[in-house]
């Protein structure tokens, strides 16, 4: 159940500055990974403007407040009972620097994206928690072949080679906001996506297998990279084959991109009136299982099917 109201002016009084005001109240009616239900109420005000002398680059500055109440079920409800919190409040200042030169969205065939987002919570801003959060991302696409004419009104088949690198870290104590502000890895529905593995299955302590979300599923730093060969059939249909790897760590100082969980597979994405739909079949090379006789974990690579609704890998 989601109620929101917003107002956006892309050019305030005819200037290069754009602004947004928004307020929302969201009550979850479903549970992902047994996190439990929650009620989020908040508001944001933001200002964005182009960076001088750097084409297609925007800097956004925003301030927001959010209050969260947790239900009595699932992981969040259990932690609430243990820590005696039923309502949490945070106040956030955010900076977002984005340069986007991609061509052919939502399935780009050329260009790149560079983005860094920093959040500052608590302290002089107020709230029940104090931490900072930084996420950086780089994407690039290069056209490698084309089938069909590329004239005006034509729709040729276009092959593209893509590379994505994404990482982030949290500094400080996120408190009851850990499920929203720290990082989980695996699957495509929640947190950082890693195909070939189940939701919440890659943790700072290693591979957990097919389990519901646990407090140990979340870490304070992560890294993920994806290489793909894609075919853009049309503006609304895209197929690809990919190789990706990632990991999550319990603290930023433990960050080690040389130790990653790997996956590879094929996928398809479709734009529909209901939003983006996707299907991926991926093989997780570094999955493990516990031997029933010895109790020792052993290598057990395998396939995983992922359904995507409202999410794109571009």
C-alpha atoms as a PDB file:
ATOM      1  CA  UNK A   1       0.000   0.000   0.000  1.00  0.00           C
ATOM      2  CA  UNK A   2       1.720   3.136  -1.221  1.00  0.00           C
ATOM      3  CA  UNK A   3       0.581   6.763  -1.078  1.00  0.00           C
ATOM      4  CA  UNK A   4       2.773   9.593  -2.319  1.00  0.00           C
ATOM      5  CA  UNK A   5       2.546  13.154  -3.547  1.00  0.00           C
ATOM      6  CA  UNK A   6       5.261  15.082  -5.346  1.00  0.00           C
ATOM      7  CA  UNK A   7       5.901  18.245  -7.301  1.00  0.00           C
ATOM      8  CA  UNK A   8       8.796  18.661  -9.743  1.00  0.00           C
ATOM      9  CA  UNK A   9       9.924  21.749 -11.612  1.00  0.00           C
ATOM     10  CA  UNK A  10      12.684  20.884 -14.139  1.00  0.00           C
ATOM     11  CA  UNK A  11      13.572  24.558 -14.657  1.00  0.00           C
ATOM     12  CA  UNK A  12      12.761  26.773 -11.684  1.00  0.00           C
ATOM     13  CA  UNK A  13      11.689  30.215 -12.966  1.00  0.00           C
ATOM     14  CA  UNK A  14      13.253  29.323 -16.322  1.00  0.00           C
ATOM     15  CA  UNK A  15      16.700  28.684 -14.837  1.00  0.00           C
ATOM     16  CA  UNK A  16      19.047  25.699 -15.146  1.00  0.00           C
ATOM     17  CA  UNK A  17      18.047  24.584 -11.645  1.00  0.00           C
ATOM     18  CA  UNK A  18      15.436  21.888 -11.107  1.00  0.00           C
ATOM     19  CA  UNK A  19      13.714  20.959  -7.877  1.00  0.00           C
ATOM     20  CA  UNK A  20      11.465  18.330  -6.328  1.00  0.00           C
ATOM     21  CA  UNK A  21       9.235  18.185  -3.248  1.00  0.00           C
ATOM     22  CA  UNK A  22       7.759  14.844  -2.202  1.00  0.00           C
ATOM     23  CA  UNK A  23       6.058  13.063   0.678  1.00  0.00           C
ATOM     24  CA  UNK A  24       5.168   9.380   1.018  1.00  0.00           C
ATOM     25  CA  UNK A  25       3.635   6.748   3.256  1.00  0.00           C
ATOM     26  CA  UNK A  26       4.358   3.124   2.350  1.00  0.00           C
ATOM     27  CA  UNK A  27       3.106   0.004   4.126  1.00  0.00           C
ATOM     28  CA  UNK A  28       4.535  -3.272   2.845  1.00  0.00           C
ATOM     29  CA  UNK A  29       1.941  -5.959   2.137  1.00  0.00           C
ATOM     30  CA  UNK A  30       4.477  -8.619   1.182  1.00  0.00           C
ATOM     31  CA  UNK A  31       7.592 -10.059   2.752  1.00  0.00           C
ATOM     32  CA  UNK A  32      10.884 -10.534   0.872  1.00  0.00           C
ATOM     33  CA  UNK A  33      13.261 -12.977   2.536  1.00  0.00           C
ATOM     34  CA  UNK A  34      11.165 -12.956   5.739  1.00  0.00           C
ATOM     35  CA  UNK A  35      12.230  -9.400   6.566  1.00  0.00           C
ATOM     36  CA  UNK A  36       8.776  -8.639   7.950  1.00  0.00           C
ATOM     37  CA  UNK A  37       6.344  -5.792   7.384  1.00  0.00           C
ATOM     38  CA  UNK A  38       7.160  -2.142   7.875  1.00  0.00           C
ATOM     39  CA  UNK A  39       5.496   1.253   7.597  1.00  0.00           C
ATOM     40  CA  UNK A  40       7.656   4.062   6.166  1.00  0.00           C
ATOM     41  CA  UNK A  41       6.609   7.721   6.315  1.00  0.00           C
ATOM     42  CA  UNK A  42       8.816  10.503   5.012  1.00  0.00           C
ATOM     43  CA  UNK A  43       9.406  13.615   2.936  1.00  0.00           C
ATOM     44  CA  UNK A  44      12.187  14.951   0.701  1.00  0.00           C
ATOM     45  CA  UNK A  45      13.200  18.219  -0.872  1.00  0.00           C
ATOM     46  CA  UNK A  46      15.836  18.258  -3.606  1.00  0.00           C
ATOM     47  CA  UNK A  47      17.651  20.614  -5.948  1.00  0.00           C
ATOM     48  CA  UNK A  48      19.624  19.624  -9.064  1.00  0.00           C
ATOM     49  CA  UNK A  49      21.665  21.579 -11.550  1.00  0.00           C
ATOM     50  CA  UNK A  50      24.170  20.935 -14.373  1.00  0.00           C
ATOM     51  CA  UNK A  51      27.857  21.005 -13.524  1.00  0.00           C
ATOM     52  CA  UNK A  52      29.572  23.831 -15.442  1.00  0.00           C
ATOM     53  CA  UNK A  53      31.881  22.824 -18.305  1.00  0.00           C
ATOM     54  CA  UNK A  54      31.088  19.087 -17.939  1.00  0.00           C
ATOM     55  CA  UNK A  55      28.418  18.068 -20.495  1.00  0.00           C
ATOM     56  CA  UNK A  56      25.534  15.798 -19.428  1.00  0.00           C
ATOM     57  CA  UNK A  57      26.543  15.941 -15.771  1.00  0.00           C
ATOM     58  CA  UNK A  58      24.126  16.748 -12.949  1.00  0.00           C
ATOM     59  CA  UNK A  59      24.681  17.430  -9.259  1.00  0.00           C
ATOM     60  CA  UNK A  60      21.734  16.798  -6.951  1.00  0.00           C
ATOM     61  CA  UNK A  61      21.444  17.929  -3.338  1.00  0.00           C
ATOM     62  CA  UNK A  62      18.553  16.749  -1.180  1.00  0.00           C
ATOM     63  CA  UNK A  63      17.362  16.633   2.397  1.00  0.00           C
ATOM     64  CA  UNK A  64      14.897  14.078   3.718  1.00  0.00           C
ATOM     65  CA  UNK A  65      13.333  12.732   6.880  1.00  0.00           C
ATOM     66  CA  UNK A  66      11.894   9.266   7.408  1.00  0.00           C
ATOM     67  CA  UNK A  67      10.120   7.445  10.204  1.00  0.00           C
ATOM     68  CA  UNK A  68       9.819   3.651  10.151  1.00  0.00           C
ATOM     69  CA  UNK A  69       7.581   1.402  12.225  1.00  0.00           C
ATOM     70  CA  UNK A  70       8.096  -2.360  12.169  1.00  0.00           C
ATOM     71  CA  UNK A  71       5.527  -5.109  12.440  1.00  0.00           C
ATOM     72  CA  UNK A  72       5.831  -8.003  14.842  1.00  0.00           C
ATOM     73  CA  UNK A  73       6.659 -10.607  12.190  1.00  0.00           C
ATOM     74  CA  UNK A  74       9.801 -11.578  10.319  1.00  0.00           C
ATOM     75  CA  UNK A  75      13.413 -10.620  10.949  1.00  0.00           C
ATOM     76  CA  UNK A  76      12.767  -6.936  11.652  1.00  0.00           C
ATOM     77  CA  UNK A  77      10.016  -7.787  14.115  1.00  0.00           C
ATOM     78  CA  UNK A  78      12.316 -10.196  15.962  1.00  0.00           C
ATOM     79  CA  UNK A  79      15.077  -7.593  16.254  1.00  0.00           C
ATOM     80  CA  UNK A  80      12.517  -5.016  17.344  1.00  0.00           C
ATOM     81  CA  UNK A  81      11.476  -7.277  20.214  1.00  0.00           C
ATOM     82  CA  UNK A  82      15.102  -7.803  21.203  1.00  0.00           C
ATOM     83  CA  UNK A  83      16.113  -4.119  21.080  1.00  0.00           C
ATOM     84  CA  UNK A  84      12.854  -2.522  22.232  1.00  0.00           C
ATOM     85  CA  UNK A  85      12.366  -0.157  19.313  1.00  0.00           C
ATOM     86  CA  UNK A  86       9.019   0.240  17.587  1.00  0.00           C
ATOM     87  CA  UNK A  87       9.580   3.528  15.756  1.00  0.00           C
ATOM     88  CA  UNK A  88      12.802   4.872  14.259  1.00  0.00           C
ATOM     89  CA  UNK A  89      13.587   8.266  12.759  1.00  0.00           C
ATOM     90  CA  UNK A  90      16.418   9.416  10.520  1.00  0.00           C
ATOM     91  CA  UNK A  91      17.340  12.721   8.930  1.00  0.00           C
ATOM     92  CA  UNK A  92      19.435  12.574   5.749  1.00  0.00           C
ATOM     93  CA  UNK A  93      21.469  14.925   3.577  1.00  0.00           C
ATOM     94  CA  UNK A  94      22.345  13.433   0.170  1.00  0.00           C
ATOM     95  CA  UNK A  95      24.688  14.423  -2.647  1.00  0.00           C
ATOM     96  CA  UNK A  96      24.461  12.740  -6.055  1.00  0.00           C
ATOM     97  CA  UNK A  97      26.868  13.422  -8.928  1.00  0.00           C
ATOM     98  CA  UNK A  98      25.863  11.726 -12.207  1.00  0.00           C
ATOM     99  CA  UNK A  99      27.252  11.838 -15.728  1.00  0.00           C
ATOM    100  CA  UNK A 100      25.184   9.882 -18.251  1.00  0.00           C
ATOM    101  CA  UNK A 101      26.150   9.651 -21.938  1.00  0.00           C
ATOM    102  CA  UNK A 102      24.363   6.387 -22.759  1.00  0.00           C
ATOM    103  CA  UNK A 103      22.570   5.981 -26.085  1.00  0.00           C
ATOM    104  CA  UNK A 104      19.523   3.781 -26.694  1.00  0.00           C
ATOM    105  CA  UNK A 105      17.982   3.599 -23.205  1.00  0.00           C
ATOM    106  CA  UNK A 106      16.483   1.589 -21.615  1.00  0.00           C
ATOM    107  CA  UNK A 107      18.838  -0.887 -23.333  1.00  0.00           C
ATOM    108  CA  UNK A 108      21.925   1.188 -24.171  1.00  0.00           C
ATOM    109  CA  UNK A 109      24.259   0.207 -26.980  1.00  0.00           C
ATOM    110  CA  UNK A 110      26.874   2.940 -26.506  1.00  0.00           C
ATOM    111  CA  UNK A 111      28.059   5.523 -24.015  1.00  0.00           C
ATOM    112  CA  UNK A 112      28.586   5.361 -20.289  1.00  0.00           C
ATOM    113  CA  UNK A 113      27.333   6.228 -16.831  1.00  0.00           C
ATOM    114  CA  UNK A 114      29.425   7.439 -13.900  1.00  0.00           C
ATOM    115  CA  UNK A 115      27.712   8.081 -10.588  1.00  0.00           C
ATOM    116  CA  UNK A 116      28.635   8.629  -6.966  1.00  0.00           C
ATOM    117  CA  UNK A 117      26.090   9.094  -4.189  1.00  0.00           C
ATOM    118  CA  UNK A 118      26.875  10.099  -0.607  1.00  0.00           C
ATOM    119  CA  UNK A 119      24.450  10.151   2.331  1.00  0.00           C
ATOM    120  CA  UNK A 120      24.976  11.717   5.740  1.00  0.00           C
ATOM    121  CA  UNK A 121      22.584  10.684   8.505  1.00  0.00           C
ATOM    122  CA  UNK A 122      22.213  11.971  12.056  1.00  0.00           C
ATOM    123  CA  UNK A 123      24.689  14.166  13.891  1.00  0.00           C
ATOM    124  CA  UNK A 124      23.694  17.810  13.623  1.00  0.00           C
ATOM    125  CA  UNK A 125      20.871  16.732  11.296  1.00  0.00           C
ATOM    126  CA  UNK A 126      19.093  14.886  14.115  1.00  0.00           C
ATOM    127  CA  UNK A 127      17.560  11.420  14.237  1.00  0.00           C
ATOM    128  CA  UNK A 128      18.105   8.162  16.116  1.00  0.00           C
ATOM    129  CA  UNK A 129      21.095   6.977  14.058  1.00  0.00           C
ATOM    130  CA  UNK A 130      24.391   8.434  12.888  1.00  0.00           C
ATOM    131  CA  UNK A 131      26.203   7.060   9.845  1.00  0.00           C
ATOM    132  CA  UNK A 132      27.328   7.898   6.323  1.00  0.00           C
ATOM    133  CA  UNK A 133      26.861   5.848   3.169  1.00  0.00           C
ATOM    134  CA  UNK A 134      28.722   6.043  -0.158  1.00  0.00           C
ATOM    135  CA  UNK A 135      27.911   4.139  -3.365  1.00  0.00           C
ATOM    136  CA  UNK A 136      29.841   4.519  -6.645  1.00  0.00           C
ATOM    137  CA  UNK A 137      28.960   3.052 -10.024  1.00  0.00           C
ATOM    138  CA  UNK A 138      30.414   2.986 -13.524  1.00  0.00           C
ATOM    139  CA  UNK A 139      28.773   1.521 -16.622  1.00  0.00           C
ATOM    140  CA  UNK A 140      30.005   1.432 -20.185  1.00  0.00           C
ATOM    141  CA  UNK A 141      28.680   0.105 -23.498  1.00  0.00           C
ATOM    142  CA  UNK A 142      30.392  -0.214 -26.852  1.00  0.00           C
ATOM    143  CA  UNK A 143      28.636  -1.194 -30.117  1.00  0.00           C
ATOM    144  CA  UNK A 144      30.366  -4.103 -31.825  1.00  0.00           C
ATOM    145  CA  UNK A 145      28.063  -5.123 -34.712  1.00  0.00           C
ATOM    146  CA  UNK A 146      24.788  -4.287 -36.421  1.00  0.00           C
ATOM    147  CA  UNK A 147      22.389  -6.260 -38.604  1.00  0.00           C
ATOM    148  CA  UNK A 148      20.155  -4.204 -40.870  1.00  0.00           C
ATOM    149  CA  UNK A 149      20.161  -0.648 -42.116  1.00  0.00           C
ATOM    150  CA  UNK A 150      20.503   2.175 -39.639  1.00  0.00           C
ATOM    151  CA  UNK A 151      18.670   4.919 -41.514  1.00  0.00           C
ATOM    152  CA  UNK A 152      15.830   7.134 -40.343  1.00  0.00           C
ATOM    153  CA  UNK A 153      12.982   5.024 -38.953  1.00  0.00           C
ATOM    154  CA  UNK A 154      14.962   1.791 -39.180  1.00  0.00           C
ATOM    155  CA  UNK A 155      15.242  -0.658 -36.311  1.00  0.00           C
ATOM    156  CA  UNK A 156      18.426  -2.699 -36.846  1.00  0.00           C
ATOM    157  CA  UNK A 157      19.594  -5.481 -34.550  1.00  0.00           C
ATOM    158  CA  UNK A 158      22.466  -4.093 -32.502  1.00  0.00           C
ATOM    159  CA  UNK A 159      25.129  -6.028 -30.605  1.00  0.00           C
ATOM    160  CA  UNK A 160      26.795  -4.320 -27.655  1.00  0.00           C
ATOM    161  CA  UNK A 161      29.512  -5.138 -25.153  1.00  0.00           C
ATOM    162  CA  UNK A 162      28.811  -3.849 -21.649  1.00  0.00           C
ATOM    163  CA  UNK A 163      30.788  -3.547 -18.420  1.00  0.00           C
ATOM    164  CA  UNK A 164      29.476  -2.508 -14.988  1.00  0.00           C
ATOM    165  CA  UNK A 165      31.445  -1.888 -11.790  1.00  0.00           C
ATOM    166  CA  UNK A 166      29.601  -0.992  -8.587  1.00  0.00           C
ATOM    167  CA  UNK A 167      30.704  -0.721  -4.968  1.00  0.00           C
ATOM    168  CA  UNK A 168      29.781   0.948  -1.708  1.00  0.00           C
ATOM    169  CA  UNK A 169      30.467   1.304   2.002  1.00  0.00           C
ATOM    170  CA  UNK A 170      28.680   2.357   5.191  1.00  0.00           C
ATOM    171  CA  UNK A 171      30.535   4.097   8.027  1.00  0.00           C
ATOM    172  CA  UNK A 172      28.873   4.168  11.440  1.00  0.00           C
ATOM    173  CA  UNK A 173      25.911   2.428  13.068  1.00  0.00           C
ATOM    174  CA  UNK A 174      22.760   2.096  10.949  1.00  0.00           C
ATOM    175  CA  UNK A 175      20.758   0.769  13.903  1.00  0.00           C
ATOM    176  CA  UNK A 176      17.285  -0.464  12.930  1.00  0.00           C
ATOM    177  CA  UNK A 177      17.789   0.827   9.369  1.00  0.00           C
ATOM    178  CA  UNK A 178      20.348  -1.901   8.547  1.00  0.00           C
ATOM    179  CA  UNK A 179      18.000  -3.750   6.174  1.00  0.00           C
ATOM    180  CA  UNK A 180      17.510  -0.602   4.080  1.00  0.00           C
ATOM    181  CA  UNK A 181      20.945   1.005   4.353  1.00  0.00           C
ATOM    182  CA  UNK A 182      23.477  -1.832   4.593  1.00  0.00           C
ATOM    183  CA  UNK A 183      24.164  -4.219   1.716  1.00  0.00           C
ATOM    184  CA  UNK A 184      22.905  -7.721   0.969  1.00  0.00           C
ATOM    185  CA  UNK A 185      23.954  -9.754  -2.062  1.00  0.00           C
ATOM    186  CA  UNK A 186      22.314 -12.435  -4.188  1.00  0.00           C
ATOM    187  CA  UNK A 187      19.274 -12.798  -6.427  1.00  0.00           C
ATOM    188  CA  UNK A 188      17.541  -9.890  -8.169  1.00  0.00           C
ATOM    189  CA  UNK A 189      14.655  -8.864  -5.896  1.00  0.00           C
ATOM    190  CA  UNK A 190      16.304  -7.123  -2.945  1.00  0.00           C
ATOM    191  CA  UNK A 191      19.584  -5.370  -2.285  1.00  0.00           C
ATOM    192  CA  UNK A 192      22.579  -5.794  -4.571  1.00  0.00           C
ATOM    193  CA  UNK A 193      21.926  -8.249  -7.380  1.00  0.00           C
ATOM    194  CA  UNK A 194      24.091 -11.277  -8.119  1.00  0.00           C
ATOM    195  CA  UNK A 195      22.618 -13.795 -10.503  1.00  0.00           C
ATOM    196  CA  UNK A 196      23.318 -17.477  -9.964  1.00  0.00           C
ATOM    197  CA  UNK A 197      22.676 -17.185  -6.200  1.00  0.00           C
ATOM    198  CA  UNK A 198      19.551 -17.040  -4.042  1.00  0.00           C
ATOM    199  CA  UNK A 199      18.309 -13.892  -2.305  1.00  0.00           C
ATOM    200  CA  UNK A 200      20.436 -12.978   0.753  1.00  0.00           C
ATOM    201  CA  UNK A 201      22.621 -16.058   0.171  1.00  0.00           C
ATOM    202  CA  UNK A 202      26.018 -14.306  -0.089  1.00  0.00           C
ATOM    203  CA  UNK A 203      26.991 -12.893   3.305  1.00  0.00           C
ATOM    204  CA  UNK A 204      30.132 -11.482   5.000  1.00  0.00           C
ATOM    205  CA  UNK A 205      30.694 -14.966   6.459  1.00  0.00           C
ATOM    206  CA  UNK A 206      30.394 -16.725   3.104  1.00  0.00           C
ATOM    207  CA  UNK A 207      27.683 -18.525   1.177  1.00  0.00           C
ATOM    208  CA  UNK A 208      24.604 -19.232   3.335  1.00  0.00           C
ATOM    209  CA  UNK A 209      22.499 -21.133   0.800  1.00  0.00           C
ATOM    210  CA  UNK A 210      18.741 -20.896   0.335  1.00  0.00           C
ATOM    211  CA  UNK A 211      17.803 -19.146   3.590  1.00  0.00           C
ATOM    212  CA  UNK A 212      15.609 -16.271   4.680  1.00  0.00           C
ATOM    213  CA  UNK A 213      17.234 -12.964   5.528  1.00  0.00           C
ATOM    214  CA  UNK A 214      19.316 -12.958   8.702  1.00  0.00           C
ATOM    215  CA  UNK A 215      21.125 -10.155  10.490  1.00  0.00           C
ATOM    216  CA  UNK A 216      24.351 -11.792   9.311  1.00  0.00           C
ATOM    217  CA  UNK A 217      23.181 -11.471   5.683  1.00  0.00           C
ATOM    218  CA  UNK A 218      23.968  -7.746   5.682  1.00  0.00           C
ATOM    219  CA  UNK A 219      27.367  -6.093   5.418  1.00  0.00           C
ATOM    220  CA  UNK A 220      28.819  -2.593   5.391  1.00  0.00           C
ATOM    221  CA  UNK A 221      30.717  -2.805   2.110  1.00  0.00           C
ATOM    222  CA  UNK A 222      30.223  -4.561  -1.209  1.00  0.00           C
ATOM    223  CA  UNK A 223      31.617  -4.878  -4.708  1.00  0.00           C
ATOM    224  CA  UNK A 224      29.984  -6.187  -7.872  1.00  0.00           C
ATOM    225  CA  UNK A 225      31.054  -6.270 -11.503  1.00  0.00           C
ATOM    226  CA  UNK A 226      29.275  -7.516 -14.636  1.00  0.00           C
ATOM    227  CA  UNK A 227      30.455  -8.089 -18.197  1.00  0.00           C
ATOM    228  CA  UNK A 228      27.865  -8.848 -20.841  1.00  0.00           C
ATOM    229  CA  UNK A 229      27.337  -9.370 -24.545  1.00  0.00           C
ATOM    230  CA  UNK A 230      23.886  -8.114 -25.479  1.00  0.00           C
ATOM    231  CA  UNK A 231      21.571  -8.008 -28.481  1.00  0.00           C
ATOM    232  CA  UNK A 232      19.170  -5.074 -28.633  1.00  0.00           C
ATOM    233  CA  UNK A 233      16.357  -6.448 -30.772  1.00  0.00           C
ATOM    234  CA  UNK A 234      14.237  -3.320 -30.341  1.00  0.00           C
ATOM    235  CA  UNK A 235      13.677  -0.499 -27.882  1.00  0.00           C
ATOM    236  CA  UNK A 236      11.517  -2.861 -25.849  1.00  0.00           C
ATOM    237  CA  UNK A 237      13.316  -6.225 -26.137  1.00  0.00           C
ATOM    238  CA  UNK A 238      16.857  -7.201 -25.160  1.00  0.00           C
ATOM    239  CA  UNK A 239      18.695 -10.520 -24.731  1.00  0.00           C
ATOM    240  CA  UNK A 240      22.181 -11.072 -23.359  1.00  0.00           C
ATOM    241  CA  UNK A 241      24.747 -13.418 -21.967  1.00  0.00           C
ATOM    242  CA  UNK A 242      26.681 -12.299 -18.911  1.00  0.00           C
ATOM    243  CA  UNK A 243      29.414 -13.037 -16.399  1.00  0.00           C
ATOM    244  CA  UNK A 244      29.358 -11.322 -13.022  1.00  0.00           C
ATOM    245  CA  UNK A 245      31.017 -11.516  -9.652  1.00  0.00           C
ATOM    246  CA  UNK A 246      30.617  -9.868  -6.265  1.00  0.00           C
ATOM    247  CA  UNK A 247      30.966 -10.083  -2.521  1.00  0.00           C
ATOM    248  CA  UNK A 248      29.898  -8.302   0.659  1.00  0.00           C
ATOM    249  CA  UNK A 249      31.953  -7.611   3.788  1.00  0.00           C
ATOM    250  CA  UNK A 250      31.037  -6.765   7.383  1.00  0.00           C
ATOM    251  CA  UNK A 251      33.237  -3.626   7.466  1.00  0.00           C
ATOM    252  CA  UNK A 252      34.738  -1.265   4.852  1.00  0.00           C
ATOM    253  CA  UNK A 253      38.298  -2.114   5.931  1.00  0.00           C
ATOM    254  CA  UNK A 254      37.687  -5.782   4.968  1.00  0.00           C
ATOM    255  CA  UNK A 255      36.987  -4.853   1.345  1.00  0.00           C
ATOM    256  CA  UNK A 256      38.834  -7.315  -0.910  1.00  0.00           C
ATOM    257  CA  UNK A 257      37.806  -7.416  -4.598  1.00  0.00           C
ATOM    258  CA  UNK A 258      40.112 -10.382  -5.198  1.00  0.00           C
ATOM    259  CA  UNK A 259      37.681 -12.711  -3.334  1.00  0.00           C
ATOM    260  CA  UNK A 260      34.400 -12.759  -5.249  1.00  0.00           C
ATOM    261  CA  UNK A 261      31.477 -15.118  -5.851  1.00  0.00           C
ATOM    262  CA  UNK A 262      31.078 -15.766  -9.582  1.00  0.00           C
ATOM    263  CA  UNK A 263      28.068 -16.403 -11.803  1.00  0.00           C
ATOM    264  CA  UNK A 264      27.301 -16.578 -15.528  1.00  0.00           C
ATOM    265  CA  UNK A 265      24.227 -17.101 -17.641  1.00  0.00           C
ATOM    266  CA  UNK A 266      21.739 -15.782 -20.178  1.00  0.00           C
ATOM    267  CA  UNK A 267      18.820 -13.415 -19.817  1.00  0.00           C
ATOM    268  CA  UNK A 268      16.022 -11.570 -21.580  1.00  0.00           C
ATOM    269  CA  UNK A 269      14.277  -8.289 -20.757  1.00  0.00           C
ATOM    270  CA  UNK A 270      10.988  -6.954 -22.108  1.00  0.00           C
ATOM    271  CA  UNK A 271       9.255  -3.592 -21.685  1.00  0.00           C
ATOM    272  CA  UNK A 272       5.501  -4.078 -21.187  1.00  0.00           C
ATOM    273  CA  UNK A 273       2.581  -1.822 -20.187  1.00  0.00           C
ATOM    274  CA  UNK A 274       3.026  -3.270 -16.674  1.00  0.00           C
ATOM    275  CA  UNK A 275       6.675  -2.249 -16.586  1.00  0.00           C
ATOM    276  CA  UNK A 276       9.946  -4.091 -17.264  1.00  0.00           C
ATOM    277  CA  UNK A 277       9.854  -7.897 -17.109  1.00  0.00           C
ATOM    278  CA  UNK A 278      12.866 -10.164 -17.170  1.00  0.00           C
ATOM    279  CA  UNK A 279      14.017 -13.746 -16.920  1.00  0.00           C
ATOM    280  CA  UNK A 280      17.574 -14.910 -16.204  1.00  0.00           C
ATOM    281  CA  UNK A 281      19.112 -18.367 -16.028  1.00  0.00           C
ATOM    282  CA  UNK A 282      22.461 -18.236 -14.240  1.00  0.00           C
ATOM    283  CA  UNK A 283      25.050 -20.702 -12.965  1.00  0.00           C
ATOM    284  CA  UNK A 284      26.653 -19.993  -9.589  1.00  0.00           C
ATOM    285  CA  UNK A 285      30.231 -21.288  -9.642  1.00  0.00           C
ATOM    286  CA  UNK A 286      30.969 -20.768  -5.936  1.00  0.00           C
ATOM    287  CA  UNK A 287      27.851 -22.169  -4.270  1.00  0.00           C
ATOM    288  CA  UNK A 288      28.420 -24.693  -1.511  1.00  0.00           C
ATOM    289  CA  UNK A 289      26.440 -27.168   0.558  1.00  0.00           C
ATOM    290  CA  UNK A 290      26.899 -28.998   3.853  1.00  0.00           C
ATOM    291  CA  UNK A 291      27.770 -32.675   3.504  1.00  0.00           C
ATOM    292  CA  UNK A 292      25.111 -34.684   5.354  1.00  0.00           C
ATOM    293  CA  UNK A 293      27.648 -37.240   6.627  1.00  0.00           C
ATOM    294  CA  UNK A 294      30.643 -35.124   7.583  1.00  0.00           C
ATOM    295  CA  UNK A 295      28.988 -31.771   8.252  1.00  0.00           C
ATOM    296  CA  UNK A 296      31.698 -30.090   6.169  1.00  0.00           C
ATOM    297  CA  UNK A 297      30.866 -27.556   3.473  1.00  0.00           C
ATOM    298  CA  UNK A 298      31.794 -28.661  -0.017  1.00  0.00           C
ATOM    299  CA  UNK A 299      31.594 -27.097  -3.456  1.00  0.00           C
ATOM    300  CA  UNK A 300      28.150 -27.447  -5.056  1.00  0.00           C
ATOM    301  CA  UNK A 301      27.810 -25.166  -8.098  1.00  0.00           C
ATOM    302  CA  UNK A 302      24.391 -25.028  -9.678  1.00  0.00           C
ATOM    303  CA  UNK A 303      21.753 -23.198 -11.708  1.00  0.00           C
ATOM    304  CA  UNK A 304      19.353 -20.533 -10.495  1.00  0.00           C
ATOM    305  CA  UNK A 305      16.321 -19.037 -12.267  1.00  0.00           C
ATOM    306  CA  UNK A 306      15.554 -15.357 -11.609  1.00  0.00           C
ATOM    307  CA  UNK A 307      12.333 -13.502 -12.427  1.00  0.00           C
ATOM    308  CA  UNK A 308      12.519  -9.722 -12.580  1.00  0.00           C
ATOM    309  CA  UNK A 309       9.629  -7.277 -12.346  1.00  0.00           C
ATOM    310  CA  UNK A 310      10.346  -3.553 -12.568  1.00  0.00           C
ATOM    311  CA  UNK A 311      14.124  -4.055 -12.709  1.00  0.00           C
ATOM    312  CA  UNK A 312      16.561  -3.686 -15.591  1.00  0.00           C
ATOM    313  CA  UNK A 313      20.235  -4.492 -15.931  1.00  0.00           C
ATOM    314  CA  UNK A 314      21.431  -1.612 -18.070  1.00  0.00           C
END
